[in-house]
Amino acid sequence: MQALQQRYDELEKRYNNLKLSRSITAQEGSSAAETKARFARLVREIDKCISLLNE
């Protein structure tokens, strides 16, 4: 059961990464402001992860 949970968690992370990658690359027609906002959200997520690692 534990191995299945680990596999599920890994696949979920990979799926989320794929969704993020596609959302960034598929936005060819998006405005500069939308792109900037999207990257700002990404930076905030990265900052949260870094702060969790530093605790």
C-alpha atoms as a PDB file:
ATOM      1  CA  MET A   1       0.000   0.000   0.000  1.00  0.00           C
ATOM      2  CA  GLN A   2       2.841   2.365   0.882  1.00  0.00           C
ATOM      3  CA  ALA A   3       4.594   1.711  -2.438  1.00  0.00           C
ATOM      4  CA  LEU A   4       1.372   2.503  -4.305  1.00  0.00           C
ATOM      5  CA  GLN A   5       0.989   5.758  -2.376  1.00  0.00           C
ATOM      6  CA  GLN A   6       4.560   6.767  -3.243  1.00  0.00           C
ATOM      7  CA  ARG A   7       3.965   5.948  -6.904  1.00  0.00           C
ATOM      8  CA  TYR A   8       0.727   7.947  -6.856  1.00  0.00           C
ATOM      9  CA  ASP A   9       2.498  10.946  -5.318  1.00  0.00           C
ATOM     10  CA  GLU A  10       5.246  10.761  -7.943  1.00  0.00           C
ATOM     11  CA  LEU A  11       2.755  10.566 -10.800  1.00  0.00           C
ATOM     12  CA  GLU A  12       0.737  13.433  -9.370  1.00  0.00           C
ATOM     13  CA  LYS A  13       3.844  15.634  -9.228  1.00  0.00           C
ATOM     14  CA  ARG A  14       4.745  14.738 -12.803  1.00  0.00           C
ATOM     15  CA  TYR A  15       1.198  15.480 -13.949  1.00  0.00           C
ATOM     16  CA  ASN A  16       1.218  18.866 -12.243  1.00  0.00           C
ATOM     17  CA  ASN A  17       4.569  19.681 -13.842  1.00  0.00           C
ATOM     18  CA  LEU A  18       3.206  18.733 -17.244  1.00  0.00           C
ATOM     19  CA  LYS A  19       0.120  20.899 -16.752  1.00  0.00           C
ATOM     20  CA  LEU A  20       2.316  23.818 -15.760  1.00  0.00           C
ATOM     21  CA  SER A  21       4.609  23.322 -18.711  1.00  0.00           C
ATOM     22  CA  ARG A  22       1.726  23.185 -21.154  1.00  0.00           C
ATOM     23  CA  SER A  23       0.030  26.216 -19.650  1.00  0.00           C
ATOM     24  CA  ILE A  24       3.176  28.269 -20.139  1.00  0.00           C
ATOM     25  CA  THR A  25       3.928  27.126 -23.671  1.00  0.00           C
ATOM     26  CA  ALA A  26       0.328  27.069 -24.901  1.00  0.00           C
ATOM     27  CA  GLN A  27      -0.268  30.725 -24.144  1.00  0.00           C
ATOM     28  CA  GLU A  28       1.097  32.108 -27.406  1.00  0.00           C
ATOM     29  CA  GLY A  29      -1.681  34.681 -27.735  1.00  0.00           C
ATOM     30  CA  SER A  30      -1.558  35.835 -24.143  1.00  0.00           C
ATOM     31  CA  SER A  31      -0.668  39.377 -23.252  1.00  0.00           C
ATOM     32  CA  ALA A  32       2.527  40.412 -21.547  1.00  0.00           C
ATOM     33  CA  ALA A  33       0.600  41.215 -18.365  1.00  0.00           C
ATOM     34  CA  GLU A  34      -0.927  37.724 -18.232  1.00  0.00           C
ATOM     35  CA  THR A  35       2.457  36.120 -18.784  1.00  0.00           C
ATOM     36  CA  LYS A  36       4.019  38.307 -16.107  1.00  0.00           C
ATOM     37  CA  ALA A  37       1.272  37.385 -13.638  1.00  0.00           C
ATOM     38  CA  ARG A  38       1.721  33.683 -14.390  1.00  0.00           C
ATOM     39  CA  PHE A  39       5.460  33.892 -13.761  1.00  0.00           C
ATOM     40  CA  ALA A  40       4.881  35.878 -10.578  1.00  0.00           C
ATOM     41  CA  ARG A  41       2.699  33.013  -9.304  1.00  0.00           C
ATOM     42  CA  LEU A  42       5.459  30.564 -10.178  1.00  0.00           C
ATOM     43  CA  VAL A  43       8.043  32.609  -8.318  1.00  0.00           C
ATOM     44  CA  ARG A  44       5.783  32.746  -5.249  1.00  0.00           C
ATOM     45  CA  GLU A  45       5.401  28.958  -5.354  1.00  0.00           C
ATOM     46  CA  ILE A  46       9.176  28.533  -5.608  1.00  0.00           C
ATOM     47  CA  ASP A  47       9.700  30.944  -2.711  1.00  0.00           C
ATOM     48  CA  LYS A  48       7.257  28.917  -0.600  1.00  0.00           C
ATOM     49  CA  CYS A  49       9.151  25.728  -1.389  1.00  0.00           C
ATOM     50  CA  ILE A  50      12.484  27.321  -0.516  1.00  0.00           C
ATOM     51  CA  SER A  51      11.152  28.632   2.792  1.00  0.00           C
ATOM     52  CA  LEU A  52       9.844  25.156   3.651  1.00  0.00           C
ATOM     53  CA  LEU A  53      13.253  23.659   2.910  1.00  0.00           C
ATOM     54  CA  ASN A  54      14.977  26.240   5.097  1.00  0.00           C
ATOM     55  CA  GLU A  55      12.837  25.414   8.147  1.00  0.00           C
END
